[in-house]
Amino acid sequence: MDISGGIQASLAGRYASALFALARDEKHLAEVEASVATLRAALTDSEDFALLVNSFTVGRSDAEKAVAAVSNVLKLDPLTANLVGVLAQNRRLNQLSPVLTAFDAMVAAHRGEVSAEVTSAFPLSGPQIDEIRKQLKDRAGRTIKITAKVDPSILGGLIVRMGSQMIDSSIKTRLNTLSQAMKG
C-alpha cells in the first residue's frame, strides 16, 4: 500500500496511520471505519461536541472524561475510543477532524478506492449519490467512495473534488464568472 508521505508527515496523519495500522493488524478495519463515520457525524451534528473538540479552555482531565463519555454514548469501538482519549490526553482534540480525514484516505488507498467529496446546496438523495458515483467511476475507472457535504452558499449545482481534480458547476461560481466577464 502506498500512502503519500504528506499524509504520514502531518500530525493528524501520524495519529491516523497508527489507528489504521492497529485496525488492519487486529482485523477490525470495518468496526473502526464505522466508528470514524459515527465520529464524523457527531462533529457535524452536535455543536456541543464540536465546541469540546475545538476548545482550548477545557482542561486535560475534563476533556478526557468528556470524550470517554461521548465514546460510550456513540458506542465507539475500543481502538477509536482509545484514539480519541489519546488526543484528549495530548491536548490534540482539535486534530480529530483531520485525523478522521487522513484515516479515510488510508482506508480508501488500502481498498483501491478513490475518494470524492461532493458539495451541494441541498442534501442529496441516495439515488442521486449513486448516479454521481456511477459517473465518477466511469471517469476514474475505479471504485469511488463519496463524502457528501452541504453548503447552501453555493446556491445550486455541485462541487466535486476527486484527488487533484475539481469540477465546479455551482451556481455561485457561474455567477462570479459572469460578474467578472461583465466588468470587462
Protein backbone atom coordinates (compact mmCIF):
# COMPACT_ATOMS: atom_id res chain seq x y z
CA MET A 1 0.00 0.00 0.00
CA ASP A 2 1.38 3.37 -1.00
CA ILE A 3 0.28 6.18 1.28
CA SER A 4 1.73 9.54 0.39
CA GLY A 5 4.41 10.87 2.69
CA GLY A 6 2.35 14.06 3.02
CA ILE A 7 -0.38 12.33 4.98
CA GLN A 8 2.00 10.47 7.26
CA ALA A 9 4.18 13.55 7.80
CA SER A 10 1.36 15.60 9.29
CA LEU A 11 0.44 15.39 12.95
CA ALA A 12 -3.06 14.15 12.09
CA GLY A 13 -1.54 11.68 9.62
CA ARG A 14 0.62 10.09 12.31
CA TYR A 15 -2.40 9.51 14.57
CA ALA A 16 -4.46 8.23 11.62
CA SER A 17 -1.62 5.97 10.50
CA ALA A 18 -1.36 4.43 13.97
CA LEU A 19 -5.13 3.84 14.09
CA PHE A 20 -5.13 2.36 10.59
CA ALA A 21 -2.21 0.03 11.32
CA LEU A 22 -3.79 -1.23 14.55
CA ALA A 23 -7.20 -1.71 12.92
CA ARG A 24 -5.69 -3.54 9.94
CA ASP A 25 -3.38 -5.74 12.02
CA GLU A 26 -6.12 -6.66 14.50
CA LYS A 27 -8.62 -7.21 11.65
CA HIS A 28 -11.02 -4.57 12.97
CA LEU A 29 -10.92 -2.22 9.98
CA ALA A 30 -14.69 -2.35 9.36
CA GLU A 31 -15.53 -1.59 13.01
CA VAL A 32 -13.06 1.28 13.18
CA GLU A 33 -14.31 2.66 9.87
CA ALA A 34 -17.89 2.63 11.23
CA SER A 35 -16.76 4.41 14.41
CA VAL A 36 -14.89 7.01 12.36
CA ALA A 37 -18.08 7.67 10.37
CA THR A 38 -20.01 7.98 13.65
CA LEU A 39 -17.47 10.47 14.99
CA ARG A 40 -17.59 12.50 11.78
CA ALA A 41 -21.40 12.66 12.02
CA ALA A 42 -21.17 13.69 15.68
CA LEU A 43 -18.78 16.51 14.80
CA THR A 44 -21.22 17.73 12.15
CA ASP A 45 -24.47 17.21 14.08
CA SER A 46 -23.51 18.21 17.64
CA GLU A 47 -22.47 21.79 18.30
CA ASP A 48 -21.51 20.83 21.85
CA PHE A 49 -19.16 18.08 20.67
CA ALA A 50 -17.63 20.37 18.03
CA LEU A 51 -17.08 23.04 20.71
CA LEU A 52 -15.44 20.50 23.02
CA VAL A 53 -13.13 19.29 20.27
CA ASN A 54 -12.07 22.81 19.28
CA SER A 55 -11.90 24.35 22.76
CA PHE A 56 -8.55 25.22 24.27
CA THR A 57 -10.16 26.22 27.57
CA VAL A 58 -11.28 22.72 28.58
CA GLY A 59 -8.70 21.13 30.88
CA ARG A 60 -6.96 17.89 30.00
CA SER A 61 -8.73 15.73 32.62
CA ASP A 62 -12.14 17.25 31.84
CA ALA A 63 -11.58 16.64 28.13
CA GLU A 64 -10.57 13.03 28.81
CA LYS A 65 -13.70 12.45 30.90
CA ALA A 66 -15.91 14.12 28.31
CA VAL A 67 -14.57 12.12 25.37
CA ALA A 68 -14.80 8.88 27.37
CA ALA A 69 -18.49 9.64 27.98
CA VAL A 70 -19.02 10.56 24.33
CA SER A 71 -17.27 7.36 23.23
CA ASN A 72 -19.64 5.33 25.40
CA VAL A 73 -22.73 7.16 24.15
CA LEU A 74 -21.64 6.79 20.50
CA LYS A 75 -20.68 3.14 21.11
CA LEU A 76 -17.27 3.58 19.50
CA ASP A 77 -15.07 0.53 19.08
CA PRO A 78 -12.20 0.30 21.61
CA LEU A 79 -9.47 1.34 19.15
CA THR A 80 -11.28 4.51 18.07
CA ALA A 81 -12.32 5.34 21.63
CA ASN A 82 -8.68 4.94 22.68
CA LEU A 83 -7.55 7.25 19.87
CA VAL A 84 -9.98 9.98 20.97
CA GLY A 85 -8.79 9.52 24.56
CA VAL A 86 -5.15 9.86 23.49
CA LEU A 87 -5.99 13.01 21.51
CA ALA A 88 -7.65 14.47 24.63
CA GLN A 89 -4.74 13.41 26.85
CA ASN A 90 -2.23 15.02 24.48
CA ARG A 91 -4.41 18.15 24.09
CA ARG A 92 -4.81 17.45 20.38
CA LEU A 93 -8.60 17.12 20.14
CA ASN A 94 -8.59 19.94 17.59
CA GLN A 95 -6.86 17.46 15.26
CA LEU A 96 -9.79 15.00 15.34
CA SER A 97 -11.34 16.06 12.02
CA PRO A 98 -8.01 15.93 10.11
CA VAL A 99 -7.27 12.53 11.71
CA LEU A 100 -10.62 11.19 10.51
CA THR A 101 -10.00 12.55 7.01
CA ALA A 102 -6.50 11.02 6.87
CA PHE A 103 -7.82 7.69 8.16
CA ASP A 104 -10.49 7.63 5.44
CA ALA A 105 -7.82 8.33 2.81
CA MET A 106 -5.71 5.45 4.10
CA VAL A 107 -8.66 3.04 4.06
CA ALA A 108 -9.58 4.13 0.53
CA ALA A 109 -5.99 3.60 -0.67
CA HIS A 110 -5.90 0.20 1.05
CA ARG A 111 -9.05 -0.85 -0.82
CA GLY A 112 -8.03 0.69 -4.13
CA GLU A 113 -10.82 3.24 -3.93
CA VAL A 114 -10.78 6.85 -4.99
CA SER A 115 -12.32 9.32 -2.56
CA ALA A 116 -14.55 12.06 -3.87
CA GLU A 117 -16.01 14.95 -1.90
CA VAL A 118 -19.30 16.16 -3.34
CA THR A 119 -20.62 19.51 -2.11
CA SER A 120 -24.19 20.50 -2.89
CA ALA A 121 -26.50 23.30 -1.81
CA PHE A 122 -29.05 20.79 -0.50
CA PRO A 123 -28.74 17.23 0.86
CA LEU A 124 -28.50 14.66 -1.92
CA SER A 125 -30.75 11.60 -2.00
CA GLY A 126 -29.38 8.05 -2.16
CA PRO A 127 -30.20 7.63 -5.87
CA GLN A 128 -28.54 10.98 -6.67
CA ILE A 129 -25.36 9.93 -4.85
CA ASP A 130 -25.45 6.56 -6.64
CA GLU A 131 -25.71 8.31 -10.03
CA ILE A 132 -22.80 10.62 -9.18
CA ARG A 133 -20.78 7.59 -8.01
CA LYS A 134 -21.52 5.79 -11.30
CA GLN A 135 -20.46 8.77 -13.42
CA LEU A 136 -17.27 9.28 -11.41
CA LYS A 137 -16.45 5.57 -11.62
CA ASP A 138 -16.79 5.74 -15.41
CA ARG A 139 -14.45 8.72 -15.41
CA ALA A 140 -11.84 7.32 -12.97
CA GLY A 141 -12.12 3.63 -13.75
CA ARG A 142 -12.02 2.75 -10.06
CA THR A 143 -14.41 2.33 -7.17
CA ILE A 144 -15.49 5.70 -5.77
CA LYS A 145 -16.13 6.48 -2.11
CA ILE A 146 -18.25 9.62 -1.84
CA THR A 147 -18.32 12.03 1.08
CA ALA A 148 -21.33 14.31 0.68
CA LYS A 149 -21.30 17.82 2.15
CA VAL A 150 -23.93 20.52 2.17
CA ASP A 151 -23.00 24.18 1.64
CA PRO A 152 -26.03 26.41 0.99
CA SER A 153 -23.74 29.26 -0.12
CA ILE A 154 -23.10 27.56 -3.49
CA LEU A 155 -26.81 28.19 -4.30
CA GLY A 156 -27.14 25.15 -6.58
CA GLY A 157 -25.15 22.73 -8.71
CA LEU A 158 -22.25 20.67 -7.39
CA ILE A 159 -18.60 20.95 -6.49
CA VAL A 160 -16.79 17.62 -6.85
CA ARG A 161 -13.24 17.09 -5.59
CA MET A 162 -11.65 13.81 -6.60
CA GLY A 163 -7.96 13.53 -5.97
CA SER A 164 -6.32 16.57 -7.52
CA GLN A 165 -9.30 17.23 -9.80
CA MET A 166 -12.07 19.67 -9.04
CA ILE A 167 -15.28 20.01 -11.01
CA ASP A 168 -17.16 23.16 -10.03
CA SER A 169 -20.61 23.51 -11.57
CA SER A 170 -22.01 25.59 -8.74
CA ILE A 171 -24.32 28.50 -9.47
CA LYS A 172 -22.17 30.68 -7.20
CA THR A 173 -19.10 30.13 -9.39
CA ARG A 174 -21.08 30.68 -12.57
CA LEU A 175 -22.47 33.96 -11.21
CA ASN A 176 -18.98 35.09 -10.14
CA THR A 177 -17.61 34.25 -13.60
CA LEU A 178 -20.44 36.15 -15.27
CA SER A 179 -19.88 39.12 -12.94
CA GLN A 180 -16.17 39.22 -13.81
CA ALA A 181 -16.92 38.97 -17.53
CA MET A 182 -19.38 41.87 -17.30
CA LYS A 183 -16.77 44.04 -15.58
CA GLY A 184 -14.67 43.51 -18.64
